[in-house]
C-alpha atoms as a PDB file:
ATOM      1  CA  GLN A   1       6.679  -6.336   1.891  1.00  0.00           C
ATOM      2  CA  VAL A   2       7.716  -3.217   3.813  1.00  0.00           C
ATOM      3  CA  GLN A   3       8.682  -2.925   7.474  1.00  0.00           C
ATOM      4  CA  LEU A   4       7.347   0.353   8.889  1.00  0.00           C
ATOM      5  CA  VAL A   5       8.179   2.051  12.178  1.00  0.00           C
ATOM      6  CA  GLU A   6       6.373   5.195  13.350  1.00  0.00           C
ATOM      7  CA  SER A   7       7.610   7.757  15.831  1.00  0.00           C
ATOM      8  CA  GLY A   8       6.793  11.252  17.033  1.00  0.00           C
ATOM      9  CA  GLY A   9       3.521  10.690  18.836  1.00  0.00           C
ATOM     10  CA  GLY A  10       2.839  12.188  22.216  1.00  0.00           C
ATOM     11  CA  LEU A  11       0.718  14.546  24.257  1.00  0.00           C
ATOM     12  CA  VAL A  12       0.066  18.051  22.994  1.00  0.00           C
ATOM     13  CA  GLN A  13      -2.351  20.830  23.865  1.00  0.00           C
ATOM     14  CA  ALA A  14      -5.075  21.906  21.471  1.00  0.00           C
ATOM     15  CA  GLY A  15      -3.742  24.331  18.904  1.00  0.00           C
ATOM     16  CA  GLY A  16      -0.276  22.872  19.072  1.00  0.00           C
ATOM     17  CA  SER A  17       1.763  21.032  16.476  1.00  0.00           C
ATOM     18  CA  LEU A  18       3.334  17.634  16.175  1.00  0.00           C
ATOM     19  CA  GLN A  19       5.266  15.834  13.464  1.00  0.00           C
ATOM     20  CA  LEU A  20       5.033  12.100  12.961  1.00  0.00           C
ATOM     21  CA  SER A  21       7.704  10.132  11.155  1.00  0.00           C
ATOM     22  CA  CYS A  22       7.651   6.718   9.561  1.00  0.00           C
ATOM     23  CA  THR A  23      10.803   4.950   8.502  1.00  0.00           C
ATOM     24  CA  ALA A  24      10.621   2.104   6.021  1.00  0.00           C
ATOM     25  CA  ALA A  25      12.965  -0.832   5.827  1.00  0.00           C
ATOM     26  CA  GLY A  26      13.174  -3.848   3.582  1.00  0.00           C
ATOM     27  CA  ASN A  27      11.868  -3.107   0.123  1.00  0.00           C
ATOM     28  CA  SER A  28      12.649   0.088  -1.716  1.00  0.00           C
ATOM     29  CA  PHE A  29      10.760   3.003  -0.159  1.00  0.00           C
ATOM     30  CA  ALA A  30      10.609   4.981  -3.382  1.00  0.00           C
ATOM     31  CA  ILE A  31       8.406   2.468  -5.224  1.00  0.00           C
ATOM     32  CA  ASN A  32       5.529   2.573  -2.734  1.00  0.00           C
ATOM     33  CA  ALA A  33       2.765   5.081  -2.271  1.00  0.00           C
ATOM     34  CA  MET A  34       2.450   5.860   1.434  1.00  0.00           C
ATOM     35  CA  GLY A  35      -0.269   6.964   3.781  1.00  0.00           C
ATOM     36  CA  TRP A  36      -1.346   7.788   7.311  1.00  0.00           C
ATOM     37  CA  TYR A  37      -4.402   6.343   9.034  1.00  0.00           C
ATOM     38  CA  ARG A  38      -5.765   6.782  12.533  1.00  0.00           C
ATOM     39  CA  GLN A  39      -8.026   4.902  14.891  1.00  0.00           C
ATOM     40  CA  ALA A  40      -9.680   6.158  18.047  1.00  0.00           C
ATOM     41  CA  PRO A  41     -11.251   3.864  20.671  1.00  0.00           C
ATOM     42  CA  GLY A  42     -14.662   2.665  19.521  1.00  0.00           C
ATOM     43  CA  LYS A  43     -14.142   3.891  15.976  1.00  0.00           C
ATOM     44  CA  GLU A  44     -12.999   2.279  12.764  1.00  0.00           C
ATOM     45  CA  ARG A  45      -9.624   3.023  11.308  1.00  0.00           C
ATOM     46  CA  GLU A  46      -9.857   5.997   8.967  1.00  0.00           C
ATOM     47  CA  PHE A  47      -7.760   7.455   6.203  1.00  0.00           C
ATOM     48  CA  VAL A  48      -5.920  10.648   7.081  1.00  0.00           C
ATOM     49  CA  ALA A  49      -3.530  11.405   4.237  1.00  0.00           C
ATOM     50  CA  GLY A  50      -1.736   9.739   1.368  1.00  0.00           C
ATOM     51  CA  ILE A  51       1.115  10.494  -0.994  1.00  0.00           C
ATOM     52  CA  SER A  52       2.083   8.821  -4.249  1.00  0.00           C
ATOM     53  CA  THR A  53       5.628   8.079  -5.308  1.00  0.00           C
ATOM     54  CA  GLY A  54       5.427  11.158  -7.523  1.00  0.00           C
ATOM     55  CA  GLY A  55       4.385  13.430  -4.672  1.00  0.00           C
ATOM     56  CA  SER A  56       0.646  13.765  -5.298  1.00  0.00           C
ATOM     57  CA  THR A  57      -1.127  14.213  -1.970  1.00  0.00           C
ATOM     58  CA  TYR A  58      -4.592  13.409  -0.646  1.00  0.00           C
ATOM     59  CA  TYR A  59      -6.251  14.402   2.620  1.00  0.00           C
ATOM     60  CA  ALA A  60      -9.327  13.565   4.588  1.00  0.00           C
ATOM     61  CA  ASP A  61     -11.668  16.535   4.843  1.00  0.00           C
ATOM     62  CA  SER A  62     -11.260  16.556   8.611  1.00  0.00           C
ATOM     63  CA  VAL A  63      -7.545  17.371   8.413  1.00  0.00           C
ATOM     64  CA  LYS A  64      -7.344  19.348   5.188  1.00  0.00           C
ATOM     65  CA  GLY A  65      -5.532  22.622   5.708  1.00  0.00           C
ATOM     66  CA  ARG A  66      -4.061  21.502   9.030  1.00  0.00           C
ATOM     67  CA  PHE A  67      -2.016  18.398   8.197  1.00  0.00           C
ATOM     68  CA  THR A  68       0.715  18.012   5.597  1.00  0.00           C
ATOM     69  CA  ILE A  69       2.044  14.696   4.348  1.00  0.00           C
ATOM     70  CA  SER A  70       5.479  14.514   2.772  1.00  0.00           C
ATOM     71  CA  ARG A  71       8.193  12.024   2.009  1.00  0.00           C
ATOM     72  CA  ASP A  72      11.955  12.014   1.757  1.00  0.00           C
ATOM     73  CA  ASN A  73      12.982   9.139  -0.461  1.00  0.00           C
ATOM     74  CA  THR A  74      16.668   9.659   0.297  1.00  0.00           C
ATOM     75  CA  LYS A  75      15.943   8.899   3.963  1.00  0.00           C
ATOM     76  CA  ASN A  76      13.212   6.286   3.400  1.00  0.00           C
ATOM     77  CA  THR A  77      11.011   8.390   5.648  1.00  0.00           C
ATOM     78  CA  LEU A  78       7.390   9.519   5.563  1.00  0.00           C
ATOM     79  CA  TYR A  79       6.201  12.528   7.564  1.00  0.00           C
ATOM     80  CA  LEU A  80       2.929  13.909   8.806  1.00  0.00           C
ATOM     81  CA  GLN A  81       3.113  17.497   9.993  1.00  0.00           C
ATOM     82  CA  MET A  82       0.088  18.194  12.167  1.00  0.00           C
ATOM     83  CA  ASN A  83      -0.754  21.805  12.964  1.00  0.00           C
ATOM     84  CA  ASN A  84      -3.618  23.355  14.901  1.00  0.00           C
ATOM     85  CA  LEU A  85      -4.347  20.051  16.578  1.00  0.00           C
ATOM     86  CA  LYS A  86      -7.791  19.450  18.019  1.00  0.00           C
ATOM     87  CA  PRO A  87      -8.979  17.022  20.708  1.00  0.00           C
ATOM     88  CA  GLU A  88     -10.813  15.054  18.024  1.00  0.00           C
ATOM     89  CA  ASP A  89      -7.435  14.302  16.432  1.00  0.00           C
ATOM     90  CA  THR A  90      -6.654  12.061  19.392  1.00  0.00           C
ATOM     91  CA  ALA A  91      -6.038   8.554  18.057  1.00  0.00           C
ATOM     92  CA  MET A  92      -3.491   5.905  17.328  1.00  0.00           C
ATOM     93  CA  TYR A  93      -1.796   6.901  14.094  1.00  0.00           C
ATOM     94  CA  PHE A  94      -0.584   4.248  11.676  1.00  0.00           C
ATOM     95  CA  CYS A  95       1.842   4.507   8.816  1.00  0.00           C
ATOM     96  CA  ALA A  96       0.911   2.476   5.753  1.00  0.00           C
ATOM     97  CA  ALA A  97       2.515   1.407   2.503  1.00  0.00           C
ATOM     98  CA  TYR A  98       0.506   0.610  -0.592  1.00  0.00           C
ATOM     99  CA  ARG A  99       1.280  -2.145  -3.062  1.00  0.00           C
ATOM    100  CA  SER A 100       1.759   0.235  -5.975  1.00  0.00           C
ATOM    101  CA  MET A 101       2.930   3.728  -6.802  1.00  0.00           C
ATOM    102  CA  ALA A 102      -0.553   5.168  -6.346  1.00  0.00           C
ATOM    103  CA  VAL A 103      -2.685   5.705  -3.256  1.00  0.00           C
ATOM    104  CA  SER A 104      -5.553   3.210  -3.167  1.00  0.00           C
ATOM    105  CA  ARG A 105      -8.229   1.992  -0.764  1.00  0.00           C
ATOM    106  CA  THR A 106      -6.278  -0.772   0.915  1.00  0.00           C
ATOM    107  CA  PRO A 107      -2.648  -0.571   2.062  1.00  0.00           C
ATOM    108  CA  GLY A 108      -0.432  -3.612   1.852  1.00  0.00           C
ATOM    109  CA  SER A 109       1.655  -2.982   4.968  1.00  0.00           C
ATOM    110  CA  TRP A 110       1.095  -1.299   8.336  1.00  0.00           C
ATOM    111  CA  GLY A 111       3.275   0.106  11.050  1.00  0.00           C
ATOM    112  CA  GLN A 112       2.703  -0.605  14.732  1.00  0.00           C
ATOM    113  CA  GLY A 113       1.154   2.776  15.457  1.00  0.00           C
ATOM    114  CA  THR A 114       2.048   5.810  17.534  1.00  0.00           C
ATOM    115  CA  GLN A 115      -0.341   7.454  19.972  1.00  0.00           C
ATOM    116  CA  VAL A 116      -1.329  11.091  19.567  1.00  0.00           C
ATOM    117  CA  THR A 117      -3.270  12.688  22.397  1.00  0.00           C
ATOM    118  CA  VAL A 118      -4.555  16.251  22.180  1.00  0.00           C
ATOM    119  CA  SER A 119      -5.771  17.858  25.376  1.00  0.00           C
ATOM    120  CA  SER A 120      -8.212  20.744  25.669  1.00  0.00           C
END
């Protein structure tokens, strides 16, 4: 339903910051709740943060207070501001779009992923 393209990943030292972006194409961006997930080698994909069309936000306990999810509907873009990064944040980060206006358990669309590596 929604074509998603992530960008902004890279290598950063522990304690540093990074901002991920996800641009949506195809269907209207404003009608979809959006989220960020991540997957490290040998681990299952996990929820990081989500945001409804109305701006309500949700965070995994592991990133609460450090990461901020936001969206700019005029630019069809989702953001994940990551501060005070830790080595355990190292993973492939995926942008996701849900099938409704609310964040739920299973997204309907996924981006290709962008790698975030945090060094000690």
